[in-house]
Amino acid sequence: MDTDAARTRILDAAEELFYGQGIQAVGMDAVRTDAGVTLRRLYQLFPSKGDLVEAYLDRRDRRWLSALADHVDATADTPAARVLAVFDWLADWFAQPGFRGCAFVNSYGELGATAPGVADAARRHKEALRDYLTGLATDAGAPAATGRAGGRPPV
């Protein structure tokens, strides 16, 4: 298995396990088993659990923000409708089977005080989301606020 495929399988397993069970409840051996890689391969790609957690959060950030922006772009054609489309997307997300809240809030709640990388990932995600929403609101005519104007989060 090449490096990219192994990395993807590991991150897929980590996302499912960390989000579903909590980061502290999941050991590296469980990730290895679910990913179908050797423990050696896992540690070659992610030298510590902290490295894996940060990579999981970084990928989740990109995917989550991109999915939101894609939905807004595909379903709304006016600035006001783009703002409302965010709420439609969130309602669908909340109703998904296995929904366990925001992965960034959950991760920070588990590890934030002891894991600066997790705190940084949560902060970056929340800042990017705030900037995206501020841009949508500004485009829809809301009074000027801090943050970047525009239509897509930085992913």
Protein backbone atom coordinates (compact mmCIF):
# COMPACT_ATOMS: atom_id res chain seq x y z
CA MET A 1 0.00 0.00 0.00
CA ASP A 2 1.45 3.36 -0.98
CA THR A 3 1.91 6.21 1.49
CA ASP A 4 -1.09 8.25 0.32
CA ALA A 5 -3.44 5.28 0.50
CA ALA A 6 -2.19 4.30 3.96
CA ARG A 7 -2.48 7.88 5.20
CA THR A 8 -6.04 8.13 3.88
CA ARG A 9 -7.06 4.83 5.48
CA ILE A 10 -5.54 5.87 8.80
CA LEU A 11 -7.24 9.27 8.74
CA ASP A 12 -10.56 7.68 7.75
CA ALA A 13 -10.32 5.28 10.68
CA ALA A 14 -9.21 8.00 13.08
CA GLU A 15 -12.08 10.26 12.04
CA GLU A 16 -14.68 7.57 12.55
CA LEU A 17 -13.24 6.45 15.88
CA PHE A 18 -12.29 9.83 17.35
CA TYR A 19 -15.58 11.47 16.39
CA GLY A 20 -17.68 8.46 17.34
CA GLN A 21 -16.03 7.48 20.61
CA GLY A 22 -13.88 10.41 21.68
CA ILE A 23 -10.16 10.90 21.27
CA GLN A 24 -9.15 9.76 24.73
CA ALA A 25 -11.23 6.58 24.45
CA VAL A 26 -9.44 5.45 21.28
CA GLY A 27 -5.95 4.00 21.27
CA MET A 28 -3.54 3.85 18.39
CA ASP A 29 -4.02 0.10 18.16
CA ALA A 30 -7.73 0.56 17.45
CA VAL A 31 -6.89 3.04 14.68
CA ARG A 32 -4.32 0.61 13.26
CA THR A 33 -6.83 -2.24 13.29
CA ASP A 34 -9.61 -0.25 11.65
CA ALA A 35 -7.21 1.17 9.04
CA GLY A 36 -5.75 -2.25 8.24
CA VAL A 37 -2.15 -1.10 8.54
CA THR A 38 0.71 -2.26 10.70
CA LEU A 39 1.52 -0.38 13.87
CA ARG A 40 4.91 0.37 12.38
CA ARG A 41 3.31 1.96 9.31
CA LEU A 42 0.95 3.98 11.50
CA TYR A 43 3.84 5.41 13.52
CA GLN A 44 5.89 6.07 10.38
CA LEU A 45 3.13 8.33 9.12
CA PHE A 46 2.02 9.73 12.48
CA PRO A 47 4.82 9.55 15.06
CA SER A 48 2.44 10.26 17.95
CA LYS A 49 -1.24 10.21 18.72
CA GLY A 50 -1.06 14.00 18.96
CA ASP A 51 0.19 14.17 15.37
CA LEU A 52 -2.69 11.96 14.26
CA VAL A 53 -5.27 14.01 16.15
CA GLU A 54 -4.00 17.25 14.59
CA ALA A 55 -4.01 15.72 11.10
CA TYR A 56 -7.55 14.43 11.67
CA LEU A 57 -8.73 17.88 12.76
CA ASP A 58 -6.97 19.64 9.87
CA ARG A 59 -8.58 17.32 7.34
CA ARG A 60 -11.99 17.57 9.02
CA ASP A 61 -11.72 21.35 8.94
CA ARG A 62 -11.07 21.39 5.19
CA ARG A 63 -13.82 18.87 4.46
CA TRP A 64 -16.43 20.44 6.72
CA LEU A 65 -15.93 23.99 5.48
CA SER A 66 -15.77 22.83 1.88
CA ALA A 67 -19.02 20.83 2.24
CA LEU A 68 -20.76 23.86 3.71
CA ALA A 69 -19.51 26.19 0.98
CA ASP A 70 -20.36 23.67 -1.74
CA HIS A 71 -23.93 23.43 -0.43
CA VAL A 72 -24.28 27.21 -0.27
CA ASP A 73 -22.87 27.58 -3.79
CA ALA A 74 -25.12 24.85 -5.21
CA THR A 75 -28.39 25.85 -3.58
CA ALA A 76 -28.45 29.63 -3.33
CA ASP A 77 -28.18 32.30 -5.97
CA THR A 78 -28.70 35.52 -4.03
CA PRO A 79 -26.70 36.87 -1.11
CA ALA A 80 -29.66 36.56 1.27
CA ALA A 81 -30.38 33.00 0.12
CA ARG A 82 -26.71 32.12 0.66
CA VAL A 83 -27.04 33.10 4.34
CA LEU A 84 -30.21 31.04 4.73
CA ALA A 85 -28.60 28.06 2.96
CA VAL A 86 -26.13 27.80 5.85
CA PHE A 87 -29.02 27.04 8.20
CA ASP A 88 -30.44 24.42 5.84
CA TRP A 89 -27.06 22.72 5.67
CA LEU A 90 -26.67 22.81 9.45
CA ALA A 91 -30.14 21.30 9.93
CA ASP A 92 -29.19 18.43 7.61
CA TRP A 93 -25.88 17.97 9.44
CA PHE A 94 -27.59 17.89 12.86
CA ALA A 95 -29.99 15.21 11.59
CA GLN A 96 -27.28 12.88 10.27
CA PRO A 97 -27.01 9.48 11.94
CA GLY A 98 -24.09 9.47 14.32
CA PHE A 99 -24.10 13.26 14.82
CA ARG A 100 -22.07 14.02 17.93
CA GLY A 101 -21.70 17.78 17.75
CA CYS A 102 -18.77 19.82 16.60
CA ALA A 103 -15.58 17.77 16.38
CA PHE A 104 -13.55 20.85 17.28
CA VAL A 105 -15.53 21.69 20.39
CA ASN A 106 -15.46 18.02 21.38
CA SER A 107 -11.71 17.75 20.82
CA TYR A 108 -11.01 20.95 22.68
CA GLY A 109 -13.21 19.79 25.54
CA GLU A 110 -11.22 16.57 25.79
CA LEU A 111 -7.70 17.83 25.17
CA GLY A 112 -7.57 21.60 24.70
CA ALA A 113 -5.98 22.48 28.02
CA THR A 114 -3.21 19.94 27.56
CA ALA A 115 -2.79 19.89 23.77
CA PRO A 116 -1.88 23.24 22.19
CA GLY A 117 -2.17 21.73 18.69
CA VAL A 118 -5.80 20.79 19.35
CA ALA A 119 -6.54 24.24 20.75
CA ASP A 120 -4.93 25.82 17.69
CA ALA A 121 -6.91 23.59 15.30
CA ALA A 122 -10.18 24.47 17.05
CA ARG A 123 -9.32 28.16 16.98
CA ARG A 124 -8.41 28.08 13.28
CA HIS A 125 -11.64 26.27 12.43
CA LYS A 126 -13.81 28.69 14.37
CA GLU A 127 -12.01 31.70 12.88
CA ALA A 128 -12.42 30.36 9.34
CA LEU A 129 -16.11 29.67 9.94
CA ARG A 130 -16.63 33.11 11.46
CA ASP A 131 -14.86 34.75 8.53
CA TYR A 132 -16.95 32.79 6.03
CA LEU A 133 -20.22 33.66 7.76
CA THR A 134 -19.16 37.30 8.10
CA GLY A 135 -18.45 37.39 4.38
CA LEU A 136 -21.87 35.95 3.56
CA ALA A 137 -23.60 38.40 5.88
CA THR A 138 -21.65 41.36 4.50
CA ASP A 139 -22.46 40.31 0.94
CA ALA A 140 -26.14 40.18 1.95
CA GLY A 141 -26.00 43.77 3.16
CA ALA A 142 -25.40 43.35 6.87
CA PRO A 143 -23.51 46.22 8.46
CA ALA A 144 -19.77 45.95 7.99
CA ALA A 145 -18.09 43.66 10.45
CA THR A 146 -14.57 42.41 10.89
CA GLY A 147 -13.57 39.43 8.80
CA ARG A 148 -13.06 38.85 5.13
CA ALA A 149 -15.83 39.40 2.66
CA GLY A 150 -16.38 36.80 0.03
CA GLY A 151 -18.03 33.59 -0.77
CA ARG A 152 -15.84 30.67 0.29
CA PRO A 153 -13.88 29.72 3.38
CA PRO A 154 -10.12 29.34 2.99
CA VAL A 155 -9.65 25.59 2.44
